[in-house]
Amino acid sequence: MRFFRFYFHGEKAHLALDGMPQDYGFYTHRFVEAEDEATAEQVAFEIVRRQLADRGIERGYALEVEELAELESFEGVSVPGEGFTFYPEDRVKQ
């Protein structure tokens, strides 16, 4: 098995943080063990989508892999990982 770290960037995740519904962008890491890169990517996307759905974010957002790295091991890493860093999209300067 091989070890992969995915760094995702998402946009247009509509949710209410601090009581104000609006669109948020987000970043998150996920770690996946798989036979190959394609399988790992599929699993990583499924994990992130499921975790977003658990937060009530089920569609309408964009999600992409911003960075992918193959690791030697997952030593010191909580696999597959969870949590998101959200930022209000209306505060981002274009």
PDB file of N, CA and C in Angstrom:
ATOM      1  N   MET A   1       0.844  -1.188   0.000  1.00  0.00           N
ATOM      2  CA  MET A   1       0.000   0.000   0.000  1.00  0.00           C
ATOM      3  C   MET A   1       0.883   1.243   0.000  1.00  0.00           C
ATOM      4  N   ARG A   2       0.321   2.309  -0.555  1.00  0.00           N
ATOM      5  CA  ARG A   2       1.026   3.588  -0.629  1.00  0.00           C
ATOM      6  C   ARG A   2       0.286   4.623   0.216  1.00  0.00           C
ATOM      7  N   PHE A   3       0.997   5.670   0.603  1.00  0.00           N
ATOM      8  CA  PHE A   3       0.463   6.681   1.506  1.00  0.00           C
ATOM      9  C   PHE A   3       0.426   8.038   0.799  1.00  0.00           C
ATOM     10  N   PHE A   4      -0.743   8.703   0.864  1.00  0.00           N
ATOM     11  CA  PHE A   4      -0.924   9.963   0.159  1.00  0.00           C
ATOM     12  C   PHE A   4      -1.486  11.038   1.079  1.00  0.00           C
ATOM     13  N   ARG A   5      -1.039  12.277   0.855  1.00  0.00           N
ATOM     14  CA  ARG A   5      -1.602  13.444   1.547  1.00  0.00           C
ATOM     15  C   ARG A   5      -2.212  14.346   0.483  1.00  0.00           C
ATOM     16  N   PHE A   6      -3.471  14.693   0.669  1.00  0.00           N
ATOM     17  CA  PHE A   6      -4.175  15.594  -0.229  1.00  0.00           C
ATOM     18  C   PHE A   6      -4.454  16.905   0.487  1.00  0.00           C
ATOM     19  N   TYR A   7      -4.184  18.006  -0.185  1.00  0.00           N
ATOM     20  CA  TYR A   7      -4.507  19.332   0.328  1.00  0.00           C
ATOM     21  C   TYR A   7      -5.583  19.880  -0.596  1.00  0.00           C
ATOM     22  N   PHE A   8      -6.800  20.016  -0.063  1.00  0.00           N
ATOM     23  CA  PHE A   8      -7.955  20.446  -0.839  1.00  0.00           C
ATOM     24  C   PHE A   8      -8.241  21.923  -0.629  1.00  0.00           C
ATOM     25  N   HIS A   9      -8.776  22.537  -1.688  1.00  0.00           N
ATOM     26  CA  HIS A   9      -9.323  23.875  -1.597  1.00  0.00           C
ATOM     27  C   HIS A   9     -10.751  23.807  -2.127  1.00  0.00           C
ATOM     28  N   GLY A  10     -11.671  24.395  -1.387  1.00  0.00           N
ATOM     29  CA  GLY A  10     -13.058  24.422  -1.805  1.00  0.00           C
ATOM     30  C   GLY A  10     -13.581  25.843  -1.819  1.00  0.00           C
ATOM     31  N   GLU A  11     -14.625  26.070  -2.591  1.00  0.00           N
ATOM     32  CA  GLU A  11     -15.266  27.370  -2.682  1.00  0.00           C
ATOM     33  C   GLU A  11     -16.775  27.193  -2.718  1.00  0.00           C
ATOM     34  N   LYS A  12     -17.471  28.264  -2.357  1.00  0.00           N
ATOM     35  CA  LYS A  12     -18.927  28.335  -2.428  1.00  0.00           C
ATOM     36  C   LYS A  12     -19.623  27.289  -1.550  1.00  0.00           C
ATOM     37  N   ALA A  13     -19.060  27.037  -0.382  1.00  0.00           N
ATOM     38  CA  ALA A  13     -19.707  26.171   0.597  1.00  0.00           C
ATOM     39  C   ALA A  13     -20.667  27.041   1.396  1.00  0.00           C
ATOM     40  N   HIS A  14     -21.956  26.867   1.155  1.00  0.00           N
ATOM     41  CA  HIS A  14     -22.956  27.719   1.808  1.00  0.00           C
ATOM     42  C   HIS A  14     -23.291  27.147   3.191  1.00  0.00           C
ATOM     43  N   LEU A  15     -23.006  27.923   4.214  1.00  0.00           N
ATOM     44  CA  LEU A  15     -23.324  27.515   5.572  1.00  0.00           C
ATOM     45  C   LEU A  15     -23.439  28.735   6.462  1.00  0.00           C
ATOM     46  N   ALA A  16     -23.955  28.496   7.663  1.00  0.00           N
ATOM     47  CA  ALA A  16     -24.139  29.587   8.612  1.00  0.00           C
ATOM     48  C   ALA A  16     -23.151  29.418   9.758  1.00  0.00           C
ATOM     49  N   LEU A  17     -22.052  30.136   9.691  1.00  0.00           N
ATOM     50  CA  LEU A  17     -21.121  30.199  10.811  1.00  0.00           C
ATOM     51  C   LEU A  17     -21.396  31.513  11.532  1.00  0.00           C
ATOM     52  N   ASP A  18     -21.380  31.492  12.829  1.00  0.00           N
ATOM     53  CA  ASP A  18     -21.688  32.687  13.610  1.00  0.00           C
ATOM     54  C   ASP A  18     -23.079  33.220  13.279  1.00  0.00           C
ATOM     55  N   GLY A  19     -23.997  32.328  12.873  1.00  0.00           N
ATOM     56  CA  GLY A  19     -25.378  32.711  12.641  1.00  0.00           C
ATOM     57  C   GLY A  19     -25.659  33.437  11.345  1.00  0.00           C
ATOM     58  N   MET A  20     -24.655  33.640  10.518  1.00  0.00           N
ATOM     59  CA  MET A  20     -24.856  34.352   9.258  1.00  0.00           C
ATOM     60  C   MET A  20     -24.628  33.419   8.075  1.00  0.00           C
ATOM     61  N   PRO A  21     -25.715  33.056   7.348  1.00  0.00           N
ATOM     62  CA  PRO A  21     -25.522  32.198   6.178  1.00  0.00           C
ATOM     63  C   PRO A  21     -24.828  32.959   5.051  1.00  0.00           C
ATOM     64  N   GLN A  22     -23.799  32.355   4.513  1.00  0.00           N
ATOM     65  CA  GLN A  22     -23.081  32.941   3.385  1.00  0.00           C
ATOM     66  C   GLN A  22     -22.181  31.880   2.768  1.00  0.00           C
ATOM     67  N   ASP A  23     -21.523  32.242   1.680  1.00  0.00           N
ATOM     68  CA  ASP A  23     -20.592  31.327   1.030  1.00  0.00           C
ATOM     69  C   ASP A  23     -19.220  31.432   1.673  1.00  0.00           C
ATOM     70  N   TYR A  24     -18.635  30.266   1.893  1.00  0.00           N
ATOM     71  CA  TYR A  24     -17.302  30.182   2.480  1.00  0.00           C
ATOM     72  C   TYR A  24     -16.396  29.385   1.564  1.00  0.00           C
ATOM     73  N   GLY A  25     -15.150  29.748   1.543  1.00  0.00           N
ATOM     74  CA  GLY A  25     -14.122  28.924   0.953  1.00  0.00           C
ATOM     75  C   GLY A  25     -13.516  28.107   2.088  1.00  0.00           C
ATOM     76  N   PHE A  26     -12.762  27.082   1.757  1.00  0.00           N
ATOM     77  CA  PHE A  26     -12.148  26.275   2.811  1.00  0.00           C
ATOM     78  C   PHE A  26     -10.923  25.533   2.294  1.00  0.00           C
ATOM     79  N   TYR A  27     -10.096  25.166   3.246  1.00  0.00           N
ATOM     80  CA  TYR A  27      -8.926  24.325   3.012  1.00  0.00           C
ATOM     81  C   TYR A  27      -8.996  23.150   3.968  1.00  0.00           C
ATOM     82  N   THR A  28      -8.457  22.021   3.547  1.00  0.00           N
ATOM     83  CA  THR A  28      -8.403  20.855   4.417  1.00  0.00           C
ATOM     84  C   THR A  28      -7.397  19.841   3.869  1.00  0.00           C
ATOM     85  N   HIS A  29      -6.825  19.053   4.762  1.00  0.00           N
ATOM     86  CA  HIS A  29      -5.923  17.951   4.398  1.00  0.00           C
ATOM     87  C   HIS A  29      -6.640  16.630   4.637  1.00  0.00           C
ATOM     88  N   ARG A  30      -6.353  15.650   3.805  1.00  0.00           N
ATOM     89  CA  ARG A  30      -6.809  14.292   4.056  1.00  0.00           C
ATOM     90  C   ARG A  30      -5.674  13.347   3.699  1.00  0.00           C
ATOM     91  N   PHE A  31      -5.577  12.277   4.469  1.00  0.00           N
ATOM     92  CA  PHE A  31      -4.523  11.273   4.295  1.00  0.00           C
ATOM     93  C   PHE A  31      -5.179   9.954   3.949  1.00  0.00           C
ATOM     94  N   VAL A  32      -4.699   9.331   2.877  1.00  0.00           N
ATOM     95  CA  VAL A  32      -5.329   8.109   2.386  1.00  0.00           C
ATOM     96  C   VAL A  32      -4.254   7.078   2.054  1.00  0.00           C
ATOM     97  N   GLU A  33      -4.530   5.854   2.454  1.00  0.00           N
ATOM     98  CA  GLU A  33      -3.679   4.720   2.106  1.00  0.00           C
ATOM     99  C   GLU A  33      -4.403   3.934   1.008  1.00  0.00           C
ATOM    100  N   ALA A  34      -3.719   3.715  -0.120  1.00  0.00           N
ATOM    101  CA  ALA A  34      -4.353   3.017  -1.237  1.00  0.00           C
ATOM    102  C   ALA A  34      -3.295   2.365  -2.113  1.00  0.00           C
ATOM    103  N   GLU A  35      -3.770   1.533  -3.021  1.00  0.00           N
ATOM    104  CA  GLU A  35      -2.886   0.831  -3.949  1.00  0.00           C
ATOM    105  C   GLU A  35      -2.228   1.777  -4.950  1.00  0.00           C
ATOM    106  N   ASP A  36      -2.976   2.822  -5.365  1.00  0.00           N
ATOM    107  CA  ASP A  36      -2.456   3.734  -6.377  1.00  0.00           C
ATOM    108  C   ASP A  36      -3.037   5.132  -6.170  1.00  0.00           C
ATOM    109  N   GLU A  37      -2.481   6.087  -6.902  1.00  0.00           N
ATOM    110  CA  GLU A  37      -2.873   7.489  -6.754  1.00  0.00           C
ATOM    111  C   GLU A  37      -4.332   7.730  -7.142  1.00  0.00           C
ATOM    112  N   ALA A  38      -4.789   7.118  -8.215  1.00  0.00           N
ATOM    113  CA  ALA A  38      -6.168   7.327  -8.669  1.00  0.00           C
ATOM    114  C   ALA A  38      -7.179   6.853  -7.629  1.00  0.00           C
ATOM    115  N   THR A  39      -6.938   5.687  -7.055  1.00  0.00           N
ATOM    116  CA  THR A  39      -7.828   5.166  -6.018  1.00  0.00           C
ATOM    117  C   THR A  39      -7.783   6.060  -4.784  1.00  0.00           C
ATOM    118  N   ALA A  40      -6.588   6.499  -4.401  1.00  0.00           N
ATOM    119  CA  ALA A  40      -6.439   7.376  -3.244  1.00  0.00           C
ATOM    120  C   ALA A  40      -7.205   8.672  -3.442  1.00  0.00           C
ATOM    121  N   GLU A  41      -7.130   9.243  -4.641  1.00  0.00           N
ATOM    122  CA  GLU A  41      -7.836  10.492  -4.917  1.00  0.00           C
ATOM    123  C   GLU A  41      -9.344  10.303  -4.812  1.00  0.00           C
ATOM    124  N   GLN A  42      -9.842   9.212  -5.362  1.00  0.00           N
ATOM    125  CA  GLN A  42     -11.278   8.921  -5.298  1.00  0.00           C
ATOM    126  C   GLN A  42     -11.725   8.804  -3.840  1.00  0.00           C
ATOM    127  N   VAL A  43     -10.975   8.090  -3.033  1.00  0.00           N
ATOM    128  CA  VAL A  43     -11.312   7.913  -1.620  1.00  0.00           C
ATOM    129  C   VAL A  43     -11.243   9.248  -0.873  1.00  0.00           C
ATOM    130  N   ALA A  44     -10.216  10.035  -1.149  1.00  0.00           N
ATOM    131  CA  ALA A  44     -10.061  11.328  -0.473  1.00  0.00           C
ATOM    132  C   ALA A  44     -11.242  12.244  -0.772  1.00  0.00           C
ATOM    133  N   PHE A  45     -11.657  12.318  -2.045  1.00  0.00           N
ATOM    134  CA  PHE A  45     -12.824  13.130  -2.408  1.00  0.00           C
ATOM    135  C   PHE A  45     -14.069  12.633  -1.680  1.00  0.00           C
ATOM    136  N   GLU A  46     -14.267  11.330  -1.622  1.00  0.00           N
ATOM    137  CA  GLU A  46     -15.432  10.763  -0.936  1.00  0.00           C
ATOM    138  C   GLU A  46     -15.438  11.139   0.543  1.00  0.00           C
ATOM    139  N   ILE A  47     -14.281  11.084   1.180  1.00  0.00           N
ATOM    140  CA  ILE A  47     -14.180  11.431   2.599  1.00  0.00           C
ATOM    141  C   ILE A  47     -14.568  12.888   2.818  1.00  0.00           C
ATOM    142  N   VAL A  48     -14.003  13.781   2.018  1.00  0.00           N
ATOM    143  CA  VAL A  48     -14.291  15.209   2.184  1.00  0.00           C
ATOM    144  C   VAL A  48     -15.763  15.479   1.910  1.00  0.00           C
ATOM    145  N   ARG A  49     -16.311  14.921   0.854  1.00  0.00           N
ATOM    146  CA  ARG A  49     -17.726  15.144   0.539  1.00  0.00           C
ATOM    147  C   ARG A  49     -18.642  14.633   1.645  1.00  0.00           C
ATOM    148  N   ARG A  50     -18.325  13.482   2.204  1.00  0.00           N
ATOM    149  CA  ARG A  50     -19.127  12.928   3.302  1.00  0.00           C
ATOM    150  C   ARG A  50     -19.044  13.825   4.537  1.00  0.00           C
ATOM    151  N   GLN A  51     -17.855  14.310   4.858  1.00  0.00           N
ATOM    152  CA  GLN A  51     -17.699  15.165   6.026  1.00  0.00           C
ATOM    153  C   GLN A  51     -18.386  16.515   5.817  1.00  0.00           C
ATOM    154  N   LEU A  52     -18.373  17.041   4.597  1.00  0.00           N
ATOM    155  CA  LEU A  52     -19.119  18.276   4.314  1.00  0.00           C
ATOM    156  C   LEU A  52     -20.618  18.027   4.444  1.00  0.00           C
ATOM    157  N   ALA A  53     -21.093  16.890   3.935  1.00  0.00           N
ATOM    158  CA  ALA A  53     -22.513  16.559   4.051  1.00  0.00           C
ATOM    159  C   ALA A  53     -22.931  16.442   5.510  1.00  0.00           C
ATOM    160  N   ASP A  54     -22.063  15.919   6.349  1.00  0.00           N
ATOM    161  CA  ASP A  54     -22.347  15.824   7.785  1.00  0.00           C
ATOM    162  C   ASP A  54     -22.523  17.200   8.415  1.00  0.00           C
ATOM    163  N   ARG A  55     -21.958  18.232   7.780  1.00  0.00           N
ATOM    164  CA  ARG A  55     -22.098  19.615   8.246  1.00  0.00           C
ATOM    165  C   ARG A  55     -23.245  20.336   7.539  1.00  0.00           C
ATOM    166  N   GLY A  56     -23.994  19.608   6.709  1.00  0.00           N
ATOM    167  CA  GLY A  56     -25.120  20.198   5.999  1.00  0.00           C
ATOM    168  C   GLY A  56     -24.754  20.840   4.679  1.00  0.00           C
ATOM    169  N   ILE A  57     -23.539  20.620   4.196  1.00  0.00           N
ATOM    170  CA  ILE A  57     -23.082  21.168   2.918  1.00  0.00           C
ATOM    171  C   ILE A  57     -23.061  20.014   1.928  1.00  0.00           C
ATOM    172  N   GLU A  58     -24.088  19.945   1.089  1.00  0.00           N
ATOM    173  CA  GLU A  58     -24.216  18.771   0.237  1.00  0.00           C
ATOM    174  C   GLU A  58     -24.016  19.021  -1.242  1.00  0.00           C
ATOM    175  N   ARG A  59     -24.200  20.248  -1.718  1.00  0.00           N
ATOM    176  CA  ARG A  59     -24.011  20.510  -3.150  1.00  0.00           C
ATOM    177  C   ARG A  59     -23.765  21.990  -3.372  1.00  0.00           C
ATOM    178  N   GLY A  60     -23.372  22.297  -4.589  1.00  0.00           N
ATOM    179  CA  GLY A  60     -23.181  23.689  -4.956  1.00  0.00           C
ATOM    180  C   GLY A  60     -21.784  24.226  -4.695  1.00  0.00           C
ATOM    181  N   TYR A  61     -20.943  23.442  -4.078  1.00  0.00           N
ATOM    182  CA  TYR A  61     -19.581  23.897  -3.807  1.00  0.00           C
ATOM    183  C   TYR A  61     -18.623  23.334  -4.857  1.00  0.00           C
ATOM    184  N   ALA A  62     -17.499  24.002  -4.987  1.00  0.00           N
ATOM    185  CA  ALA A  62     -16.426  23.522  -5.860  1.00  0.00           C
ATOM    186  C   ALA A  62     -15.336  22.938  -4.977  1.00  0.00           C
ATOM    187  N   LEU A  63     -14.719  21.858  -5.406  1.00  0.00           N
ATOM    188  CA  LEU A  63     -13.687  21.197  -4.617  1.00  0.00           C
ATOM    189  C   LEU A  63     -12.587  20.716  -5.551  1.00  0.00           C
ATOM    190  N   GLU A  64     -11.338  21.064  -5.211  1.00  0.00           N
ATOM    191  CA  GLU A  64     -10.218  20.626  -6.033  1.00  0.00           C
ATOM    192  C   GLU A  64      -9.025  20.268  -5.164  1.00  0.00           C
ATOM    193  N   VAL A  65      -8.190  19.388  -5.703  1.00  0.00           N
ATOM    194  CA  VAL A  65      -6.936  19.056  -5.046  1.00  0.00           C
ATOM    195  C   VAL A  65      -5.947  20.159  -5.389  1.00  0.00           C
ATOM    196  N   GLU A  66      -5.469  20.845  -4.378  1.00  0.00           N
ATOM    197  CA  GLU A  66      -4.484  21.904  -4.609  1.00  0.00           C
ATOM    198  C   GLU A  66      -3.066  21.343  -4.561  1.00  0.00           C
ATOM    199  N   GLU A  67      -2.885  20.298  -3.762  1.00  0.00           N
ATOM    200  CA  GLU A  67      -1.559  19.697  -3.650  1.00  0.00           C
ATOM    201  C   GLU A  67      -1.710  18.223  -3.300  1.00  0.00           C
ATOM    202  N   LEU A  68      -0.870  17.409  -3.885  1.00  0.00           N
ATOM    203  CA  LEU A  68      -0.853  15.970  -3.618  1.00  0.00           C
ATOM    204  C   LEU A  68       0.582  15.558  -3.364  1.00  0.00           C
ATOM    205  N   ALA A  69       0.785  14.779  -2.324  1.00  0.00           N
ATOM    206  CA  ALA A  69       2.131  14.284  -2.026  1.00  0.00           C
ATOM    207  C   ALA A  69       2.046  12.821  -1.625  1.00  0.00           C
ATOM    208  N   GLU A  70       3.010  12.058  -2.083  1.00  0.00           N
ATOM    209  CA  GLU A  70       3.122  10.679  -1.621  1.00  0.00           C
ATOM    210  C   GLU A  70       4.106  10.669  -0.461  1.00  0.00           C
ATOM    211  N   LEU A  71       3.712  10.028   0.635  1.00  0.00           N
ATOM    212  CA  LEU A  71       4.513   9.990   1.851  1.00  0.00           C
ATOM    213  C   LEU A  71       5.110   8.600   2.056  1.00  0.00           C
ATOM    214  N   GLU A  72       6.129   8.533   2.887  1.00  0.00           N
ATOM    215  CA  GLU A  72       6.722   7.236   3.215  1.00  0.00           C
ATOM    216  C   GLU A  72       5.870   6.466   4.213  1.00  0.00           C
ATOM    217  N   SER A  73       5.187   7.199   5.106  1.00  0.00           N
ATOM    218  CA  SER A  73       4.337   6.570   6.108  1.00  0.00           C
ATOM    219  C   SER A  73       3.371   7.614   6.649  1.00  0.00           C
ATOM    220  N   PHE A  74       2.489   7.178   7.546  1.00  0.00           N
ATOM    221  CA  PHE A  74       1.569   8.088   8.229  1.00  0.00           C
ATOM    222  C   PHE A  74       1.977   8.280   9.688  1.00  0.00           C
ATOM    223  N   GLU A  75       3.216   8.071   9.982  1.00  0.00           N
ATOM    224  CA  GLU A  75       3.698   8.224  11.354  1.00  0.00           C
ATOM    225  C   GLU A  75       3.394   9.643  11.852  1.00  0.00           C
ATOM    226  N   GLY A  76       2.686   9.714  12.974  1.00  0.00           N
ATOM    227  CA  GLY A  76       2.359  10.999  13.584  1.00  0.00           C
ATOM    228  C   GLY A  76       1.159  11.697  12.979  1.00  0.00           C
ATOM    229  N   VAL A  77       0.415  11.004  12.104  1.00  0.00           N
ATOM    230  CA  VAL A  77      -0.725  11.608  11.417  1.00  0.00           C
ATOM    231  C   VAL A  77      -1.998  10.890  11.822  1.00  0.00           C
ATOM    232  N   SER A  78      -3.070  11.644  12.057  1.00  0.00           N
ATOM    233  CA  SER A  78      -4.377  11.065  12.327  1.00  0.00           C
ATOM    234  C   SER A  78      -5.068  10.801  10.989  1.00  0.00           C
ATOM    235  N   VAL A  79      -5.241   9.543  10.652  1.00  0.00           N
ATOM    236  CA  VAL A  79      -5.772   9.161   9.342  1.00  0.00           C
ATOM    237  C   VAL A  79      -7.254   8.843   9.458  1.00  0.00           C
ATOM    238  N   PRO A  80      -8.144   9.254   8.554  1.00  0.00           N
ATOM    239  CA  PRO A  80      -7.876  10.012   7.347  1.00  0.00           C
ATOM    240  C   PRO A  80      -7.791  11.507   7.591  1.00  0.00           C
ATOM    241  N   GLY A  81      -8.124  11.963   8.803  1.00  0.00           N
ATOM    242  CA  GLY A  81      -8.110  13.384   9.106  1.00  0.00           C
ATOM    243  C   GLY A  81      -9.509  13.952   9.030  1.00  0.00           C
ATOM    244  N   GLU A  82      -9.699  15.079   9.666  1.00  0.00           N
ATOM    245  CA  GLU A  82     -10.981  15.761   9.607  1.00  0.00           C
ATOM    246  C   GLU A  82     -10.761  17.219   9.954  1.00  0.00           C
ATOM    247  N   GLY A  83     -11.797  17.987   9.805  1.00  0.00           N
ATOM    248  CA  GLY A  83     -11.709  19.406  10.104  1.00  0.00           C
ATOM    249  C   GLY A  83     -11.474  20.228   8.849  1.00  0.00           C
ATOM    250  N   PHE A  84     -11.917  21.461   8.918  1.00  0.00           N
ATOM    251  CA  PHE A  84     -11.839  22.385   7.799  1.00  0.00           C
ATOM    252  C   PHE A  84     -11.440  23.751   8.312  1.00  0.00           C
ATOM    253  N   THR A  85     -10.731  24.502   7.501  1.00  0.00           N
ATOM    254  CA  THR A  85     -10.457  25.900   7.777  1.00  0.00           C
ATOM    255  C   THR A  85     -11.303  26.702   6.797  1.00  0.00           C
ATOM    256  N   PHE A  86     -12.355  27.340   7.321  1.00  0.00           N
ATOM    257  CA  PHE A  86     -13.274  28.112   6.498  1.00  0.00           C
ATOM    258  C   PHE A  86     -12.887  29.585   6.515  1.00  0.00           C
ATOM    259  N   TYR A  87     -13.158  30.270   5.402  1.00  0.00           N
ATOM    260  CA  TYR A  87     -12.982  31.716   5.322  1.00  0.00           C
ATOM    261  C   TYR A  87     -14.141  32.301   4.531  1.00  0.00           C
ATOM    262  N   PRO A  88     -14.649  33.456   4.939  1.00  0.00           N
ATOM    263  CA  PRO A  88     -15.765  34.082   4.199  1.00  0.00           C
ATOM    264  C   PRO A  88     -15.281  34.558   2.830  1.00  0.00           C
ATOM    265  N   GLU A  89     -15.951  34.100   1.798  1.00  0.00           N
ATOM    266  CA  GLU A  89     -15.527  34.452   0.446  1.00  0.00           C
ATOM    267  C   GLU A  89     -15.680  35.932   0.147  1.00  0.00           C
ATOM    268  N   ASP A  90     -16.625  36.590   0.803  1.00  0.00           N
ATOM    269  CA  ASP A  90     -16.826  38.014   0.516  1.00  0.00           C
ATOM    270  C   ASP A  90     -15.715  38.884   1.085  1.00  0.00           C
ATOM    271  N   ARG A  91     -14.845  38.318   1.880  1.00  0.00           N
ATOM    272  CA  ARG A  91     -13.721  39.081   2.440  1.00  0.00           C
ATOM    273  C   ARG A  91     -12.425  38.893   1.668  1.00  0.00           C
ATOM    274  N   VAL A  92     -12.481  38.085   0.643  1.00  0.00           N
ATOM    275  CA  VAL A  92     -11.291  37.818  -0.167  1.00  0.00           C
ATOM    276  C   VAL A  92     -11.199  38.868  -1.256  1.00  0.00           C
ATOM    277  N   LYS A  93     -10.064  39.503  -1.364  1.00  0.00           N
ATOM    278  CA  LYS A  93      -9.871  40.523  -2.401  1.00  0.00           C
ATOM    279  C   LYS A  93      -9.589  39.826  -3.722  1.00  0.00           C
ATOM    280  N   GLN A  94     -10.291  40.231  -4.741  1.00  0.00           N
ATOM    281  CA  GLN A  94     -10.136  39.649  -6.072  1.00  0.00           C
ATOM    282  C   GLN A  94      -8.956  40.254  -6.797  1.00  0.00           C
TER     283      GLN A  94
END
